[in-house]
Amino acid sequence: PFDGAQEYLKWGQGTRPMRQRMTDRVVRDIDIVAKNSTQSEATNAVNRLIYVDNTNNSGIENGTKENPYNTLAEGITAATAGAGDWLYVRAGNGLATGYTGNYTLKNDMTVWGEGYQAFPGLGGGSQPILQGAGNAGIILTAGTNNTVQGLKFQNANSGITSYGIGSITV
């Protein structure tokens, strides 16, 4: 009557093939308890990314990817000096509309044109055209710790200038 009982008692001992283990009942450890957190988790942004696109005519401009500023001046104004903000300038309509003028960059600011691809899927397209105001002048006057990349300059005596300020990367 106990024929095969020895095999039955060995069940679960030793290594069993995956096929046998697939039907085992899942038993949770009652000592593991998940608690709902009552503390808010703070998210620290490394760099704030402000978008500029001269084709935005929606009437909504807040510097987000969906509602970028439509002039470079608005983007620079929105950046915070010393905060390490990035200004991403799209090529837009391929003209210098909204990108014409003489601008002073804030400290610790990166101006990143669409012509430079730093991340897959963001950048690597046409270079936005920044144009000097009038026949003379400087398009960008750099601050401290600025990075400028992926832009095209035209109609100015100088594209980028810095006066006794160190650490600018072009």
Protein backbone atom coordinates (compact mmCIF):
# COMPACT_ATOMS: atom_id res chain seq x y z
CA PRO A 1 0.00 0.00 0.00
CA PHE A 2 2.94 2.34 0.53
CA ASP A 3 4.33 1.72 -2.90
CA GLY A 4 5.59 5.09 -4.27
CA ALA A 5 5.40 6.83 -0.87
CA GLN A 6 9.14 7.20 -0.80
CA GLU A 7 9.08 9.18 -4.07
CA TYR A 8 6.22 11.32 -2.73
CA LEU A 9 8.17 12.26 0.40
CA LYS A 10 11.16 13.32 -1.69
CA TRP A 11 8.98 15.82 -3.62
CA GLY A 12 10.36 19.35 -3.27
CA GLN A 13 13.77 18.22 -2.10
CA GLY A 14 16.78 18.95 -4.24
CA THR A 15 16.84 20.73 -7.54
CA ARG A 16 13.73 20.36 -9.62
CA PRO A 17 13.36 21.36 -13.24
CA MET A 18 11.60 24.65 -14.04
CA ARG A 19 8.60 22.82 -15.48
CA GLN A 20 7.83 21.28 -12.06
CA ARG A 21 8.32 24.55 -10.19
CA MET A 22 5.94 26.56 -12.39
CA THR A 23 2.86 25.21 -10.63
CA ASP A 24 4.09 25.83 -7.07
CA ARG A 25 1.89 28.06 -4.96
CA VAL A 26 3.32 31.52 -4.25
CA VAL A 27 3.69 32.17 -0.55
CA ARG A 28 4.39 35.73 0.53
CA ASP A 29 6.54 36.51 3.52
CA ILE A 30 4.24 38.04 6.13
CA ASP A 31 7.14 39.96 7.65
CA ILE A 32 7.50 42.14 4.57
CA VAL A 33 5.09 45.05 4.74
CA ALA A 34 4.76 47.83 2.19
CA LYS A 35 3.87 51.18 3.69
CA ASN A 36 2.44 54.17 1.91
CA SER A 37 4.87 57.03 2.17
CA THR A 38 3.58 60.16 3.84
CA GLN A 39 6.67 62.14 2.93
CA SER A 40 6.86 63.88 -0.40
CA GLU A 41 9.85 62.92 -2.43
CA ALA A 42 11.80 65.92 -3.59
CA THR A 43 12.96 65.92 -7.19
CA ASN A 44 16.16 67.77 -7.82
CA ALA A 45 16.60 69.07 -11.33
CA VAL A 46 20.17 69.19 -12.50
CA ASN A 47 19.57 71.82 -15.18
CA ARG A 48 16.39 73.59 -16.19
CA LEU A 49 15.81 73.40 -19.94
CA ILE A 50 14.11 76.44 -21.48
CA TYR A 51 12.85 76.09 -25.06
CA VAL A 52 12.84 78.81 -27.75
CA ASP A 53 11.21 78.38 -31.18
CA ASN A 54 10.44 81.28 -33.51
CA THR A 55 7.53 79.41 -35.09
CA ASN A 56 5.44 79.38 -31.90
CA ASN A 57 2.46 81.64 -32.62
CA SER A 58 -0.02 79.94 -30.29
CA GLY A 59 -0.09 82.87 -27.88
CA ILE A 60 1.08 80.61 -25.05
CA GLU A 61 4.75 80.98 -24.15
CA ASN A 62 6.17 79.50 -20.97
CA GLY A 63 9.47 78.01 -22.16
CA THR A 64 8.29 74.39 -22.16
CA LYS A 65 8.76 72.04 -25.09
CA GLU A 66 5.05 72.33 -25.91
CA ASN A 67 4.90 76.15 -25.52
CA PRO A 68 8.38 77.58 -26.18
CA TYR A 69 9.25 81.26 -26.14
CA ASN A 70 9.27 82.66 -29.67
CA THR A 71 12.19 85.07 -29.23
CA LEU A 72 15.69 84.55 -27.94
CA ALA A 73 15.37 87.63 -25.71
CA GLU A 74 12.42 86.04 -23.84
CA GLY A 75 14.39 82.83 -23.31
CA ILE A 76 17.43 84.65 -21.93
CA THR A 77 15.20 86.76 -19.67
CA ALA A 78 13.55 83.61 -18.29
CA ALA A 79 16.91 82.03 -17.39
CA THR A 80 18.24 82.50 -13.88
CA ALA A 81 21.82 83.72 -13.52
CA GLY A 82 24.03 81.22 -11.73
CA ALA A 83 21.44 78.43 -11.84
CA GLY A 84 22.98 76.48 -14.73
CA ASP A 85 19.93 76.88 -17.00
CA TRP A 86 20.05 75.54 -20.54
CA LEU A 87 18.43 77.47 -23.36
CA TYR A 88 17.49 75.16 -26.24
CA VAL A 89 17.00 77.16 -29.45
CA ARG A 90 15.15 75.40 -32.26
CA ALA A 91 15.87 76.26 -35.88
CA GLY A 92 12.19 77.08 -36.31
CA ASN A 93 11.37 78.51 -39.72
CA GLY A 94 15.05 78.73 -40.73
CA LEU A 95 15.04 82.53 -40.58
CA ALA A 96 16.46 84.91 -37.98
CA THR A 97 12.97 86.10 -37.03
CA GLY A 98 12.94 86.40 -33.24
CA TYR A 99 16.67 85.69 -33.14
CA THR A 100 17.91 89.12 -34.28
CA GLY A 101 19.60 91.33 -31.74
CA ASN A 102 22.50 91.76 -29.37
CA TYR A 103 22.22 89.57 -26.28
CA THR A 104 24.08 89.27 -23.00
CA LEU A 105 24.19 85.78 -21.53
CA LYS A 106 23.74 85.19 -17.83
CA ASN A 107 26.37 83.42 -15.75
CA ASP A 108 26.41 79.60 -15.80
CA MET A 109 24.11 79.43 -18.81
CA THR A 110 24.23 77.11 -21.82
CA VAL A 111 22.80 78.18 -25.17
CA TRP A 112 22.23 75.03 -27.14
CA GLY A 113 21.11 75.30 -30.76
CA GLU A 114 19.23 72.54 -32.54
CA GLY A 115 22.31 72.05 -34.74
CA TYR A 116 24.08 70.24 -31.89
CA GLN A 117 22.88 66.82 -30.75
CA ALA A 118 23.80 66.21 -27.14
CA PHE A 119 21.15 63.53 -26.54
CA PRO A 120 19.51 61.07 -28.94
CA GLY A 121 16.25 62.53 -30.22
CA LEU A 122 17.03 66.10 -29.14
CA GLY A 123 19.09 68.20 -31.52
CA GLY A 124 21.08 67.25 -34.58
CA GLY A 125 18.92 69.28 -36.99
CA SER A 126 19.44 72.61 -38.70
CA GLN A 127 21.31 75.34 -36.91
CA PRO A 128 19.19 78.28 -35.79
CA ILE A 129 20.34 81.56 -37.33
CA LEU A 130 21.26 84.33 -34.89
CA GLN A 131 21.60 87.68 -36.60
CA GLY A 132 23.23 90.86 -35.38
CA ALA A 133 21.10 93.97 -35.06
CA GLY A 134 22.08 96.53 -37.68
CA ASN A 135 25.33 96.44 -39.59
CA ALA A 136 27.65 96.24 -36.61
CA GLY A 137 27.70 94.75 -33.18
CA ILE A 138 28.11 91.57 -31.25
CA ILE A 139 25.39 88.95 -31.19
CA LEU A 140 26.27 87.27 -27.87
CA THR A 141 28.22 88.75 -25.00
CA ALA A 142 29.24 85.91 -22.73
CA GLY A 143 29.09 85.81 -18.97
CA THR A 144 31.03 83.47 -16.69
CA ASN A 145 30.84 79.71 -17.34
CA ASN A 146 28.85 79.86 -20.59
CA THR A 147 28.58 77.17 -23.23
CA VAL A 148 27.39 77.99 -26.75
CA GLN A 149 26.86 75.27 -29.34
CA GLY A 150 24.89 74.40 -32.47
CA LEU A 151 24.17 77.98 -33.64
CA LYS A 152 24.86 79.91 -36.85
CA PHE A 153 25.82 83.61 -36.64
CA GLN A 154 25.37 86.15 -39.42
CA ASN A 155 25.50 89.91 -40.10
CA ALA A 156 27.61 91.00 -37.15
CA ASN A 157 31.17 92.13 -36.48
CA SER A 158 31.51 89.38 -33.89
CA GLY A 159 29.36 86.37 -33.06
CA ILE A 160 30.49 85.85 -29.46
CA THR A 161 32.57 88.10 -27.25
CA SER A 162 33.58 88.05 -23.62
CA TYR A 163 35.35 90.83 -21.75
CA GLY A 164 37.83 89.49 -19.20
CA ILE A 165 35.51 86.62 -18.31
CA GLY A 166 36.84 83.10 -18.11
CA SER A 167 35.46 79.70 -18.84
CA ILE A 168 33.44 79.97 -22.03
CA THR A 169 33.05 76.91 -24.23
CA VAL A 170 32.10 77.31 -27.89
